[in-house]
Amino acid sequence: FVAKAVLGLTTTVGLIERLMVDRVLRRICGFPPCRKLPSEATFS
């Protein structure tokens, strides 16, 4: 959520899509690369 504010992403769906395609951002936030990202409901 801090990265969402810094990158100027408007929605949570946009944040999840960015994490799915950006391996570096996912690693910076702490998500393991071998695990599936949480769902939109989990983020909410």
Full PDB file with SEQRES, HELIX, SHEET, SSBOND, CRYST1, ORIGX, SCALE, CONECT and MASTER records, all heavy atoms in Angstrom:
SEQRES   1 A   44  PHE VAL ALA LYS ALA VAL LEU GLY LEU THR THR THR VAL          
SEQRES   2 A   44  GLY LEU ILE GLU ARG LEU MET VAL ASP ARG VAL LEU ARG          
SEQRES   3 A   44  ARG ILE CYS GLY PHE PRO PRO CYS ARG LYS LEU PRO SER          
SEQRES   4 A   44  GLU ALA THR PHE SER                                          
HELIX    1 AA1 VAL A    2  LEU A    7  1                                   6    
HELIX    2 AA2 THR A   12  VAL A   21  1                                  10    
HELIX    3 AA3 ARG A   23  CYS A   29  1                                   7    
HELIX    4 AA4 GLU A   40  PHE A   43  1                                   4    
CRYST1    1.000    1.000    1.000  90.00  90.00  90.00 P 1           1          
ORIGX1      1.000000  0.000000  0.000000        0.00000                         
ORIGX2      0.000000  1.000000  0.000000        0.00000                         
ORIGX3      0.000000  0.000000  1.000000        0.00000                         
SCALE1      1.000000  0.000000  0.000000        0.00000                         
SCALE2      0.000000  1.000000  0.000000        0.00000                         
SCALE3      0.000000  0.000000  1.000000        0.00000                         
ATOM      1  N   PHE A   1       0.829  -1.209   0.000  1.00  0.00           N  
ATOM      2  CA  PHE A   1       0.000   0.000   0.000  1.00  0.00           C  
ATOM      3  C   PHE A   1       0.865   1.261   0.000  1.00  0.00           C  
ATOM      4  O   PHE A   1       0.478   2.276  -0.585  1.00  0.00           O  
ATOM      5  CB  PHE A   1      -0.941  -0.013   1.191  1.00  0.00           C  
ATOM      6  CG  PHE A   1      -2.128  -0.922   1.019  1.00  0.00           C  
ATOM      7  CD1 PHE A   1      -2.287  -2.042   1.806  1.00  0.00           C  
ATOM      8  CD2 PHE A   1      -3.071  -0.651   0.043  1.00  0.00           C  
ATOM      9  CE1 PHE A   1      -3.375  -2.885   1.630  1.00  0.00           C  
ATOM     10  CE2 PHE A   1      -4.172  -1.490  -0.146  1.00  0.00           C  
ATOM     11  CZ  PHE A   1      -4.316  -2.612   0.656  1.00  0.00           C  
ATOM     12  N   VAL A   2       2.016   1.224   0.651  1.00  0.00           N  
ATOM     13  CA  VAL A   2       2.932   2.362   0.568  1.00  0.00           C  
ATOM     14  C   VAL A   2       3.456   2.508  -0.856  1.00  0.00           C  
ATOM     15  O   VAL A   2       3.536   3.618  -1.405  1.00  0.00           O  
ATOM     16  CB  VAL A   2       4.085   2.196   1.567  1.00  0.00           C  
ATOM     17  CG1 VAL A   2       5.107   3.315   1.394  1.00  0.00           C  
ATOM     18  CG2 VAL A   2       3.552   2.204   3.002  1.00  0.00           C  
ATOM     19  N   ALA A   3       3.817   1.377  -1.488  1.00  0.00           N  
ATOM     20  CA  ALA A   3       4.276   1.417  -2.879  1.00  0.00           C  
ATOM     21  C   ALA A   3       3.170   1.916  -3.806  1.00  0.00           C  
ATOM     22  O   ALA A   3       3.450   2.614  -4.792  1.00  0.00           O  
ATOM     23  CB  ALA A   3       4.742   0.029  -3.306  1.00  0.00           C  
ATOM     24  N   LYS A   4       1.925   1.582  -3.504  1.00  0.00           N  
ATOM     25  CA  LYS A   4       0.810   2.071  -4.310  1.00  0.00           C  
ATOM     26  C   LYS A   4       0.739   3.594  -4.281  1.00  0.00           C  
ATOM     27  O   LYS A   4       0.503   4.236  -5.311  1.00  0.00           O  
ATOM     28  CB  LYS A   4      -0.498   1.467  -3.779  1.00  0.00           C  
ATOM     29  CG  LYS A   4      -1.748   1.997  -4.435  1.00  0.00           C  
ATOM     30  CD  LYS A   4      -2.991   1.459  -3.745  1.00  0.00           C  
ATOM     31  CE  LYS A   4      -4.255   2.105  -4.305  1.00  0.00           C  
ATOM     32  NZ  LYS A   4      -5.474   1.658  -3.586  1.00  0.00           N  
ATOM     33  N   ALA A   5       0.958   4.190  -3.104  1.00  0.00           N  
ATOM     34  CA  ALA A   5       0.937   5.651  -3.004  1.00  0.00           C  
ATOM     35  C   ALA A   5       2.130   6.274  -3.715  1.00  0.00           C  
ATOM     36  O   ALA A   5       1.996   7.313  -4.365  1.00  0.00           O  
ATOM     37  CB  ALA A   5       0.916   6.071  -1.532  1.00  0.00           C  
ATOM     38  N   VAL A   6       3.293   5.650  -3.608  1.00  0.00           N  
ATOM     39  CA  VAL A   6       4.489   6.219  -4.235  1.00  0.00           C  
ATOM     40  C   VAL A   6       4.399   6.140  -5.752  1.00  0.00           C  
ATOM     41  O   VAL A   6       4.757   7.096  -6.466  1.00  0.00           O  
ATOM     42  CB  VAL A   6       5.747   5.491  -3.721  1.00  0.00           C  
ATOM     43  CG1 VAL A   6       6.987   5.997  -4.443  1.00  0.00           C  
ATOM     44  CG2 VAL A   6       5.894   5.693  -2.223  1.00  0.00           C  
ATOM     45  N   LEU A   7       3.904   5.023  -6.279  1.00  0.00           N  
ATOM     46  CA  LEU A   7       3.823   4.835  -7.725  1.00  0.00           C  
ATOM     47  C   LEU A   7       2.612   5.524  -8.342  1.00  0.00           C  
ATOM     48  O   LEU A   7       2.496   5.562  -9.567  1.00  0.00           O  
ATOM     49  CB  LEU A   7       3.787   3.342  -8.049  1.00  0.00           C  
ATOM     50  CG  LEU A   7       5.031   2.535  -7.641  1.00  0.00           C  
ATOM     51  CD1 LEU A   7       4.819   1.058  -7.914  1.00  0.00           C  
ATOM     52  CD2 LEU A   7       6.259   3.043  -8.387  1.00  0.00           C  
ATOM     53  N   GLY A   8       1.701   6.029  -7.514  1.00  0.00           N  
ATOM     54  CA  GLY A   8       0.534   6.722  -8.044  1.00  0.00           C  
ATOM     55  C   GLY A   8      -0.506   5.803  -8.636  1.00  0.00           C  
ATOM     56  O   GLY A   8      -1.258   6.216  -9.532  1.00  0.00           O  
ATOM     57  N   LEU A   9      -0.596   4.562  -8.161  1.00  0.00           N  
ATOM     58  CA  LEU A   9      -1.608   3.625  -8.644  1.00  0.00           C  
ATOM     59  C   LEU A   9      -2.955   3.983  -8.021  1.00  0.00           C  
ATOM     60  O   LEU A   9      -3.049   4.217  -6.822  1.00  0.00           O  
ATOM     61  CB  LEU A   9      -1.210   2.184  -8.281  1.00  0.00           C  
ATOM     62  CG  LEU A   9       0.151   1.732  -8.820  1.00  0.00           C  
ATOM     63  CD1 LEU A   9       0.473   0.336  -8.320  1.00  0.00           C  
ATOM     64  CD2 LEU A   9       0.163   1.779 -10.342  1.00  0.00           C  
ATOM     65  N   THR A  10      -3.996   3.999  -8.843  1.00  0.00           N  
ATOM     66  CA  THR A  10      -5.282   4.507  -8.380  1.00  0.00           C  
ATOM     67  C   THR A  10      -6.142   3.460  -7.687  1.00  0.00           C  
ATOM     68  O   THR A  10      -6.921   3.799  -6.802  1.00  0.00           O  
ATOM     69  CB  THR A  10      -6.063   5.095  -9.565  1.00  0.00           C  
ATOM     70  OG1 THR A  10      -6.218   4.081 -10.566  1.00  0.00           O  
ATOM     71  CG2 THR A  10      -5.320   6.283 -10.161  1.00  0.00           C  
ATOM     72  N   THR A  11      -6.027   2.195  -8.070  1.00  0.00           N  
ATOM     73  CA  THR A  11      -6.902   1.160  -7.525  1.00  0.00           C  
ATOM     74  C   THR A  11      -6.081  -0.001  -6.997  1.00  0.00           C  
ATOM     75  O   THR A  11      -4.906  -0.181  -7.355  1.00  0.00           O  
ATOM     76  CB  THR A  11      -7.875   0.642  -8.598  1.00  0.00           C  
ATOM     77  OG1 THR A  11      -7.123   0.062  -9.674  1.00  0.00           O  
ATOM     78  CG2 THR A  11      -8.737   1.771  -9.135  1.00  0.00           C  
ATOM     79  N   THR A  12      -6.719  -0.806  -6.155  1.00  0.00           N  
ATOM     80  CA  THR A  12      -6.072  -2.015  -5.643  1.00  0.00           C  
ATOM     81  C   THR A  12      -5.891  -3.041  -6.747  1.00  0.00           C  
ATOM     82  O   THR A  12      -4.898  -3.794  -6.753  1.00  0.00           O  
ATOM     83  CB  THR A  12      -6.913  -2.605  -4.495  1.00  0.00           C  
ATOM     84  OG1 THR A  12      -7.096  -1.609  -3.485  1.00  0.00           O  
ATOM     85  CG2 THR A  12      -6.228  -3.804  -3.873  1.00  0.00           C  
ATOM     86  N   VAL A  13      -6.824  -3.097  -7.686  1.00  0.00           N  
ATOM     87  CA  VAL A  13      -6.673  -4.012  -8.822  1.00  0.00           C  
ATOM     88  C   VAL A  13      -5.431  -3.654  -9.637  1.00  0.00           C  
ATOM     89  O   VAL A  13      -4.665  -4.541 -10.064  1.00  0.00           O  
ATOM     90  CB  VAL A  13      -7.935  -3.976  -9.704  1.00  0.00           C  
ATOM     91  CG1 VAL A  13      -7.759  -4.852 -10.941  1.00  0.00           C  
ATOM     92  CG2 VAL A  13      -9.148  -4.429  -8.911  1.00  0.00           C  
ATOM     93  N   GLY A  14      -5.204  -2.362  -9.838  1.00  0.00           N  
ATOM     94  CA  GLY A  14      -3.990  -1.940 -10.537  1.00  0.00           C  
ATOM     95  C   GLY A  14      -2.730  -2.299  -9.785  1.00  0.00           C  
ATOM     96  O   GLY A  14      -1.708  -2.658 -10.385  1.00  0.00           O  
ATOM     97  N   LEU A  15      -2.784  -2.227  -8.451  1.00  0.00           N  
ATOM     98  CA  LEU A  15      -1.628  -2.625  -7.639  1.00  0.00           C  
ATOM     99  C   LEU A  15      -1.340  -4.109  -7.792  1.00  0.00           C  
ATOM    100  O   LEU A  15      -0.174  -4.520  -7.940  1.00  0.00           O  
ATOM    101  CB  LEU A  15      -1.889  -2.274  -6.179  1.00  0.00           C  
ATOM    102  CG  LEU A  15      -0.873  -2.783  -5.148  1.00  0.00           C  
ATOM    103  CD1 LEU A  15       0.495  -2.166  -5.397  1.00  0.00           C  
ATOM    104  CD2 LEU A  15      -1.353  -2.480  -3.736  1.00  0.00           C  
ATOM    105  N   ILE A  16      -2.384  -4.939  -7.774  1.00  0.00           N  
ATOM    106  CA  ILE A  16      -2.180  -6.387  -7.909  1.00  0.00           C  
ATOM    107  C   ILE A  16      -1.635  -6.726  -9.293  1.00  0.00           C  
ATOM    108  O   ILE A  16      -0.729  -7.564  -9.438  1.00  0.00           O  
ATOM    109  CB  ILE A  16      -3.502  -7.121  -7.632  1.00  0.00           C  
ATOM    110  CG1 ILE A  16      -3.949  -6.880  -6.192  1.00  0.00           C  
ATOM    111  CG2 ILE A  16      -3.363  -8.621  -7.891  1.00  0.00           C  
ATOM    112  CD1 ILE A  16      -5.296  -7.463  -5.853  1.00  0.00           C  
ATOM    113  N   GLU A  17      -2.159  -6.074 -10.327  1.00  0.00           N  
ATOM    114  CA  GLU A  17      -1.652  -6.320 -11.677  1.00  0.00           C  
ATOM    115  C   GLU A  17      -0.193  -5.903 -11.807  1.00  0.00           C  
ATOM    116  O   GLU A  17       0.600  -6.587 -12.473  1.00  0.00           O  
ATOM    117  CB  GLU A  17      -2.515  -5.578 -12.687  1.00  0.00           C  
ATOM    118  CG  GLU A  17      -3.940  -6.111 -12.802  1.00  0.00           C  
ATOM    119  CD  GLU A  17      -4.777  -5.298 -13.757  1.00  0.00           C  
ATOM    120  OE1 GLU A  17      -4.273  -4.231 -14.227  1.00  0.00           O  
ATOM    121  OE2 GLU A  17      -5.928  -5.696 -14.037  1.00  0.00           O  
ATOM    122  N   ARG A  18       0.174  -4.806 -11.162  1.00  0.00           N  
ATOM    123  CA  ARG A  18       1.576  -4.373 -11.216  1.00  0.00           C  
ATOM    124  C   ARG A  18       2.477  -5.370 -10.485  1.00  0.00           C  
ATOM    125  O   ARG A  18       3.580  -5.680 -10.946  1.00  0.00           O  
ATOM    126  CB  ARG A  18       1.695  -2.986 -10.586  1.00  0.00           C  
ATOM    127  CG  ARG A  18       3.122  -2.440 -10.517  1.00  0.00           C  
ATOM    128  CD  ARG A  18       3.689  -2.162 -11.888  1.00  0.00           C  
ATOM    129  NE  ARG A  18       5.058  -1.695 -11.814  1.00  0.00           N  
ATOM    130  CZ  ARG A  18       5.400  -0.396 -11.736  1.00  0.00           C  
ATOM    131  NH1 ARG A  18       4.454   0.544 -11.713  1.00  0.00           N  
ATOM    132  NH2 ARG A  18       6.653  -0.035 -11.688  1.00  0.00           N  
ATOM    133  N   LEU A  19       2.012  -5.905  -9.364  1.00  0.00           N  
ATOM    134  CA  LEU A  19       2.802  -6.902  -8.646  1.00  0.00           C  
ATOM    135  C   LEU A  19       2.930  -8.199  -9.428  1.00  0.00           C  
ATOM    136  O   LEU A  19       3.954  -8.897  -9.318  1.00  0.00           O  
ATOM    137  CB  LEU A  19       2.167  -7.175  -7.279  1.00  0.00           C  
ATOM    138  CG  LEU A  19       2.250  -6.053  -6.241  1.00  0.00           C  
ATOM    139  CD1 LEU A  19       1.396  -6.379  -5.020  1.00  0.00           C  
ATOM    140  CD2 LEU A  19       3.703  -5.825  -5.805  1.00  0.00           C  
ATOM    141  N   MET A  20       1.927  -8.521 -10.221  1.00  0.00           N  
ATOM    142  CA  MET A  20       1.976  -9.767 -10.992  1.00  0.00           C  
ATOM    143  C   MET A  20       2.992  -9.697 -12.123  1.00  0.00           C  
ATOM    144  O   MET A  20       3.658 -10.692 -12.434  1.00  0.00           O  
ATOM    145  CB  MET A  20       0.587 -10.084 -11.553  1.00  0.00           C  
ATOM    146  CG  MET A  20      -0.431 -10.480 -10.489  1.00  0.00           C  
ATOM    147  SD  MET A  20      -2.069 -10.780 -11.181  1.00  0.00           S  
ATOM    148  CE  MET A  20      -1.731 -12.179 -12.249  1.00  0.00           C  
ATOM    149  N   VAL A  21       3.130  -8.528 -12.721  1.00  0.00           N  
ATOM    150  CA  VAL A  21       4.031  -8.409 -13.870  1.00  0.00           C  
ATOM    151  C   VAL A  21       5.401  -7.875 -13.487  1.00  0.00           C  
ATOM    152  O   VAL A  21       6.360  -8.031 -14.255  1.00  0.00           O  
ATOM    153  CB  VAL A  21       3.406  -7.506 -14.950  1.00  0.00           C  
ATOM    154  CG1 VAL A  21       2.084  -8.077 -15.424  1.00  0.00           C  
ATOM    155  CG2 VAL A  21       3.198  -6.090 -14.436  1.00  0.00           C  
ATOM    156  N   ASP A  22       5.521  -7.244 -12.334  1.00  0.00           N  
ATOM    157  CA  ASP A  22       6.788  -6.642 -11.918  1.00  0.00           C  
ATOM    158  C   ASP A  22       7.406  -7.521 -10.829  1.00  0.00           C  
ATOM    159  O   ASP A  22       7.038  -7.445  -9.652  1.00  0.00           O  
ATOM    160  CB  ASP A  22       6.550  -5.221 -11.398  1.00  0.00           C  
ATOM    161  CG  ASP A  22       7.833  -4.408 -11.326  1.00  0.00           C  
ATOM    162  OD1 ASP A  22       8.914  -5.022 -11.216  1.00  0.00           O  
ATOM    163  OD2 ASP A  22       7.753  -3.168 -11.359  1.00  0.00           O  
ATOM    164  N   ARG A  23       8.352  -8.347 -11.224  1.00  0.00           N  
ATOM    165  CA  ARG A  23       9.000  -9.242 -10.268  1.00  0.00           C  
ATOM    166  C   ARG A  23       9.831  -8.470  -9.259  1.00  0.00           C  
ATOM    167  O   ARG A  23       9.922  -8.852  -8.089  1.00  0.00           O  
ATOM    168  CB  ARG A  23       9.887 -10.229 -11.043  1.00  0.00           C  
ATOM    169  CG  ARG A  23      10.652 -11.221 -10.183  1.00  0.00           C  
ATOM    170  CD  ARG A  23      11.417 -12.172 -11.073  1.00  0.00           C  
ATOM    171  NE  ARG A  23      12.387 -11.451 -11.879  1.00  0.00           N  
ATOM    172  CZ  ARG A  23      13.655 -11.221 -11.510  1.00  0.00           C  
ATOM    173  NH1 ARG A  23      14.075 -11.647 -10.326  1.00  0.00           N  
ATOM    174  NH2 ARG A  23      14.481 -10.577 -12.307  1.00  0.00           N  
ATOM    175  N   VAL A  24      10.420  -7.361  -9.667  1.00  0.00           N  
ATOM    176  CA  VAL A  24      11.260  -6.574  -8.767  1.00  0.00           C  
ATOM    177  C   VAL A  24      10.420  -5.914  -7.680  1.00  0.00           C  
ATOM    178  O   VAL A  24      10.770  -5.929  -6.498  1.00  0.00           O  
ATOM    179  CB  VAL A  24      12.059  -5.527  -9.565  1.00  0.00           C  
ATOM    180  CG1 VAL A  24      12.936  -4.702  -8.631  1.00  0.00           C  
ATOM    181  CG2 VAL A  24      12.909  -6.207 -10.630  1.00  0.00           C  
ATOM    182  N   LEU A  25       9.286  -5.343  -8.068  1.00  0.00           N  
ATOM    183  CA  LEU A  25       8.411  -4.706  -7.078  1.00  0.00           C  
ATOM    184  C   LEU A  25       7.880  -5.725  -6.078  1.00  0.00           C  
ATOM    185  O   LEU A  25       7.768  -5.431  -4.880  1.00  0.00           O  
ATOM    186  CB  LEU A  25       7.256  -3.996  -7.787  1.00  0.00           C  
ATOM    187  CG  LEU A  25       6.232  -3.299  -6.881  1.00  0.00           C  
ATOM    188  CD1 LEU A  25       6.894  -2.204  -6.059  1.00  0.00           C  
ATOM    189  CD2 LEU A  25       5.082  -2.724  -7.699  1.00  0.00           C  
ATOM    190  N   ARG A  26       7.548  -6.916  -6.560  1.00  0.00           N  
ATOM    191  CA  ARG A  26       7.073  -7.949  -5.645  1.00  0.00           C  
ATOM    192  C   ARG A  26       8.150  -8.314  -4.624  1.00  0.00           C  
ATOM    193  O   ARG A  26       7.867  -8.489  -3.445  1.00  0.00           O  
ATOM    194  CB  ARG A  26       6.666  -9.188  -6.434  1.00  0.00           C  
ATOM    195  CG  ARG A  26       6.054 -10.271  -5.573  1.00  0.00           C  
ATOM    196  CD  ARG A  26       5.878 -11.572  -6.322  1.00  0.00           C  
ATOM    197  NE  ARG A  26       5.119 -11.403  -7.568  1.00  0.00           N  
ATOM    198  CZ  ARG A  26       4.728 -12.416  -8.331  1.00  0.00           C  
ATOM    199  NH1 ARG A  26       5.031 -13.663  -7.973  1.00  0.00           N  
ATOM    200  NH2 ARG A  26       4.058 -12.194  -9.445  1.00  0.00           N  
ATOM    201  N   ARG A  27       9.376  -8.381  -5.071  1.00  0.00           N  
ATOM    202  CA  ARG A  27      10.474  -8.698  -4.151  1.00  0.00           C  
ATOM    203  C   ARG A  27      10.721  -7.557  -3.175  1.00  0.00           C  
ATOM    204  O   ARG A  27      11.036  -7.784  -2.001  1.00  0.00           O  
ATOM    205  CB  ARG A  27      11.751  -8.988  -4.943  1.00  0.00           C  
ATOM    206  CG  ARG A  27      12.938  -9.389  -4.087  1.00  0.00           C  
ATOM    207  CD  ARG A  27      12.688 -10.727  -3.434  1.00  0.00           C  
ATOM    208  NE  ARG A  27      13.768 -11.085  -2.528  1.00  0.00           N  
ATOM    209  CZ  ARG A  27      13.798 -10.765  -1.248  1.00  0.00           C  
ATOM    210  NH1 ARG A  27      12.809 -10.065  -0.712  1.00  0.00           N  
ATOM    211  NH2 ARG A  27      14.812 -11.123  -0.491  1.00  0.00           N  
ATOM    212  N   ILE A  28      10.585  -6.312  -3.627  1.00  0.00           N  
ATOM    213  CA  ILE A  28      10.794  -5.158  -2.750  1.00  0.00           C  
ATOM    214  C   ILE A  28       9.750  -5.143  -1.633  1.00  0.00           C  
ATOM    215  O   ILE A  28      10.064  -4.864  -0.472  1.00  0.00           O  
ATOM    216  CB  ILE A  28      10.750  -3.857  -3.573  1.00  0.00           C  
ATOM    217  CG1 ILE A  28      11.971  -3.769  -4.490  1.00  0.00           C  
ATOM    218  CG2 ILE A  28      10.701  -2.639  -2.657  1.00  0.00           C  
ATOM    219  CD1 ILE A  28      11.921  -2.614  -5.448  1.00  0.00           C  
ATOM    220  N   CYS A  29       8.493  -5.435  -1.970  1.00  0.00           N  
ATOM    221  CA  CYS A  29       7.429  -5.435  -0.960  1.00  0.00           C  
ATOM    222  C   CYS A  29       7.539  -6.604   0.002  1.00  0.00           C  
ATOM    223  O   CYS A  29       6.942  -6.550   1.094  1.00  0.00           O  
ATOM    224  CB  CYS A  29       6.065  -5.442  -1.635  1.00  0.00           C  
ATOM    225  SG  CYS A  29       5.705  -3.937  -2.565  1.00  0.00           S  
ATOM    226  N   GLY A  30       8.268  -7.654  -0.374  1.00  0.00           N  
ATOM    227  CA  GLY A  30       8.463  -8.789   0.520  1.00  0.00           C  
ATOM    228  C   GLY A  30       7.754 -10.054   0.105  1.00  0.00           C  
ATOM    229  O   GLY A  30       7.913 -11.083   0.776  1.00  0.00           O  
ATOM    230  N   PHE A  31       6.946 -10.050  -0.965  1.00  0.00           N  
ATOM    231  CA  PHE A  31       6.232 -11.250  -1.383  1.00  0.00           C  
ATOM    232  C   PHE A  31       7.207 -12.268  -1.967  1.00  0.00           C  
ATOM    233  O   PHE A  31       8.016 -11.920  -2.832  1.00  0.00           O  
ATOM    234  CB  PHE A  31       5.164 -10.904  -2.428  1.00  0.00           C  
ATOM    235  CG  PHE A  31       4.071 -10.031  -1.910  1.00  0.00           C  
ATOM    236  CD1 PHE A  31       4.064  -8.676  -2.181  1.00  0.00           C  
ATOM    237  CD2 PHE A  31       3.042 -10.564  -1.147  1.00  0.00           C  
ATOM    238  CE1 PHE A  31       3.047  -7.866  -1.708  1.00  0.00           C  
ATOM    239  CE2 PHE A  31       2.026  -9.752  -0.658  1.00  0.00           C  
ATOM    240  CZ  PHE A  31       2.033  -8.405  -0.941  1.00  0.00           C  
ATOM    241  N   PRO A  32       7.155 -13.513  -1.534  1.00  0.00           N  
ATOM    242  CA  PRO A  32       8.055 -14.536  -2.098  1.00  0.00           C  
ATOM    243  C   PRO A  32       7.743 -14.762  -3.571  1.00  0.00           C  
ATOM    244  O   PRO A  32       6.575 -14.820  -3.972  1.00  0.00           O  
ATOM    245  CB  PRO A  32       7.756 -15.780  -1.253  1.00  0.00           C  
ATOM    246  CG  PRO A  32       7.100 -15.276  -0.016  1.00  0.00           C  
ATOM    247  CD  PRO A  32       6.348 -14.047  -0.429  1.00  0.00           C  
ATOM    248  N   PRO A  33       8.748 -14.917  -4.403  1.00  0.00           N  
ATOM    249  CA  PRO A  33       8.485 -15.107  -5.846  1.00  0.00           C  
ATOM    250  C   PRO A  33       7.858 -16.451  -6.163  1.00  0.00           C  
ATOM    251  O   PRO A  33       7.240 -16.607  -7.219  1.00  0.00           O  
ATOM    252  CB  PRO A  33       9.873 -14.972  -6.471  1.00  0.00           C  
ATOM    253  CG  PRO A  33      10.826 -15.304  -5.374  1.00  0.00           C  
ATOM    254  CD  PRO A  33      10.188 -14.832  -4.095  1.00  0.00           C  
ATOM    255  N   CYS A  34       7.992 -17.427  -5.263  1.00  0.00           N  
ATOM    256  CA  CYS A  34       7.468 -18.761  -5.545  1.00  0.00           C  
ATOM    257  C   CYS A  34       6.029 -18.952  -5.073  1.00  0.00           C  
ATOM    258  O   CYS A  34       5.451 -20.023  -5.299  1.00  0.00           O  
ATOM    259  CB  CYS A  34       8.360 -19.819  -4.895  1.00  0.00           C  
ATOM    260  SG  CYS A  34       8.546 -19.602  -3.108  1.00  0.00           S  
ATOM    261  N   ARG A  35       5.434 -17.967  -4.423  1.00  0.00           N  
ATOM    262  CA  ARG A  35       4.088 -18.093  -3.901  1.00  0.00           C  
ATOM    263  C   ARG A  35       3.130 -17.212  -4.689  1.00  0.00           C  
ATOM    264  O   ARG A  35       3.514 -16.186  -5.263  1.00  0.00           O  
ATOM    265  CB  ARG A  35       4.039 -17.707  -2.416  1.00  0.00           C  
ATOM    266  CG  ARG A  35       4.742 -18.702  -1.501  1.00  0.00           C  
ATOM    267  CD  ARG A  35       4.707 -18.248  -0.059  1.00  0.00           C  
ATOM    268  NE  ARG A  35       3.344 -18.015   0.414  1.00  0.00           N  
ATOM    269  CZ  ARG A  35       3.070 -17.607   1.657  1.00  0.00           C  
ATOM    270  NH1 ARG A  35       4.061 -17.371   2.524  1.00  0.00           N  
ATOM    271  NH2 ARG A  35       1.818 -17.427   2.022  1.00  0.00           N  
ATOM    272  N   LYS A  36       1.860 -17.608  -4.681  1.00  0.00           N  
ATOM    273  CA  LYS A  36       0.834 -16.850  -5.380  1.00  0.00           C  
ATOM    274  C   LYS A  36       0.495 -15.589  -4.604  1.00  0.00           C  
ATOM    275  O   LYS A  36       0.473 -15.596  -3.372  1.00  0.00           O  
ATOM    276  CB  LYS A  36      -0.402 -17.729  -5.557  1.00  0.00           C  
ATOM    277  CG  LYS A  36      -1.516 -17.072  -6.354  1.00  0.00           C  
ATOM    278  CD  LYS A  36      -2.708 -18.000  -6.488  1.00  0.00           C  
ATOM    279  CE  LYS A  36      -3.841 -17.325  -7.251  1.00  0.00           C  
ATOM    280  NZ  LYS A  36      -5.024 -18.216  -7.387  1.00  0.00           N  
ATOM    281  N   LEU A  37       0.210 -14.517  -5.338  1.00  0.00           N  
ATOM    282  CA  LEU A  37      -0.157 -13.261  -4.688  1.00  0.00           C  
ATOM    283  C   LEU A  37      -1.515 -13.396  -3.996  1.00  0.00           C  
ATOM    284  O   LEU A  37      -2.377 -14.158  -4.445  1.00  0.00           O  
ATOM    285  CB  LEU A  37      -0.211 -12.130  -5.712  1.00  0.00           C  
ATOM    286  CG  LEU A  37       1.110 -11.523  -6.167  1.00  0.00           C  
ATOM    287  CD1 LEU A  37       0.852 -10.510  -7.272  1.00  0.00           C  
ATOM    288  CD2 LEU A  37       1.822 -10.865  -5.006  1.00  0.00           C  
ATOM    289  N   PRO A  38      -1.744 -12.651  -2.914  1.00  0.00           N  
ATOM    290  CA  PRO A  38      -3.073 -12.658  -2.277  1.00  0.00           C  
ATOM    291  C   PRO A  38      -4.133 -12.117  -3.224  1.00  0.00           C  
ATOM    292  O   PRO A  38      -3.859 -11.364  -4.164  1.00  0.00           O  
ATOM    293  CB  PRO A  38      -2.893 -11.756  -1.053  1.00  0.00           C  
ATOM    294  CG  PRO A  38      -1.422 -11.701  -0.821  1.00  0.00           C  
ATOM    295  CD  PRO A  38      -0.770 -11.847  -2.154  1.00  0.00           C  
ATOM    296  N   SER A  39      -5.365 -12.504  -2.962  1.00  0.00           N  
ATOM    297  CA  SER A  39      -6.480 -12.062  -3.792  1.00  0.00           C  
ATOM    298  C   SER A  39      -6.839 -10.608  -3.481  1.00  0.00           C  
ATOM    299  O   SER A  39      -6.360 -10.012  -2.512  1.00  0.00           O  
ATOM    300  CB  SER A  39      -7.697 -12.964  -3.567  1.00  0.00           C  
ATOM    301  OG  SER A  39      -8.131 -12.858  -2.220  1.00  0.00           O  
ATOM    302  N   GLU A  40      -7.712 -10.064  -4.306  1.00  0.00           N  
ATOM    303  CA  GLU A  40      -8.169  -8.688  -4.080  1.00  0.00           C  
ATOM    304  C   GLU A  40      -8.914  -8.562  -2.754  1.00  0.00           C  
ATOM    305  O   GLU A  40      -8.807  -7.544  -2.060  1.00  0.00           O  
ATOM    306  CB  GLU A  40      -9.064  -8.251  -5.238  1.00  0.00           C  
ATOM    307  CG  GLU A  40      -9.559  -6.821  -5.126  1.00  0.00           C  
ATOM    308  CD  GLU A  40     -10.493  -6.441  -6.257  1.00  0.00           C  
ATOM    309  OE1 GLU A  40     -10.656  -7.257  -7.185  1.00  0.00           O  
ATOM    310  OE2 GLU A  40     -11.065  -5.336  -6.210  1.00  0.00           O  
ATOM    311  N   ALA A  41      -9.676  -9.590  -2.387  1.00  0.00           N  
ATOM    312  CA  ALA A  41     -10.396  -9.557  -1.118  1.00  0.00           C  
ATOM    313  C   ALA A  41      -9.435  -9.508   0.065  1.00  0.00           C  
ATOM    314  O   ALA A  41      -9.691  -8.830   1.064  1.00  0.00           O  
ATOM    315  CB  ALA A  41     -11.312 -10.779  -1.003  1.00  0.00           C  
ATOM    316  N   THR A  42      -8.315 -10.216  -0.039  1.00  0.00           N  
ATOM    317  CA  THR A  42      -7.323 -10.183   1.040  1.00  0.00           C  
ATOM    318  C   THR A  42      -6.723  -8.791   1.187  1.00  0.00           C  
ATOM    319  O   THR A  42      -6.540  -8.289   2.297  1.00  0.00           O  
ATOM    320  CB  THR A  42      -6.215 -11.213   0.771  1.00  0.00           C  
ATOM    321  OG1 THR A  42      -6.801 -12.512   0.640  1.00  0.00           O  
ATOM    322  CG2 THR A  42      -5.203 -11.233   1.902  1.00  0.00           C  
ATOM    323  N   PHE A  43      -6.421  -8.152   0.049  1.00  0.00           N  
ATOM    324  CA  PHE A  43      -5.917  -6.782   0.102  1.00  0.00           C  
ATOM    325  C   PHE A  43      -6.947  -5.847   0.737  1.00  0.00           C  
ATOM    326  O   PHE A  43      -6.600  -4.969   1.549  1.00  0.00           O  
ATOM    327  CB  PHE A  43      -5.562  -6.301  -1.306  1.00  0.00           C  
ATOM    328  CG  PHE A  43      -4.180  -6.665  -1.753  1.00  0.00           C  
ATOM    329  CD1 PHE A  43      -3.935  -7.876  -2.377  1.00  0.00           C  
ATOM    330  CD2 PHE A  43      -3.121  -5.808  -1.551  1.00  0.00           C  
ATOM    331  CE1 PHE A  43      -2.661  -8.223  -2.793  1.00  0.00           C  
ATOM    332  CE2 PHE A  43      -1.839  -6.134  -1.961  1.00  0.00           C  
ATOM    333  CZ  PHE A  43      -1.605  -7.351  -2.596  1.00  0.00           C  
ATOM    334  N   SER A  44      -8.222  -6.022   0.392  1.00  0.00           N  
ATOM    335  CA  SER A  44      -9.267  -5.149   0.931  1.00  0.00           C  
ATOM    336  C   SER A  44      -9.441  -5.353   2.432  1.00  0.00           C  
ATOM    337  O   SER A  44      -9.596  -4.381   3.183  1.00  0.00           O  
ATOM    338  CB  SER A  44     -10.589  -5.408   0.196  1.00  0.00           C  
ATOM    339  OG  SER A  44     -10.467  -5.105  -1.183  1.00  0.00           O  
TER     340      SER A  44                                                      
MASTER        0    0    0    4    0    0    0    6  339    1    0    4          
END                                                                             
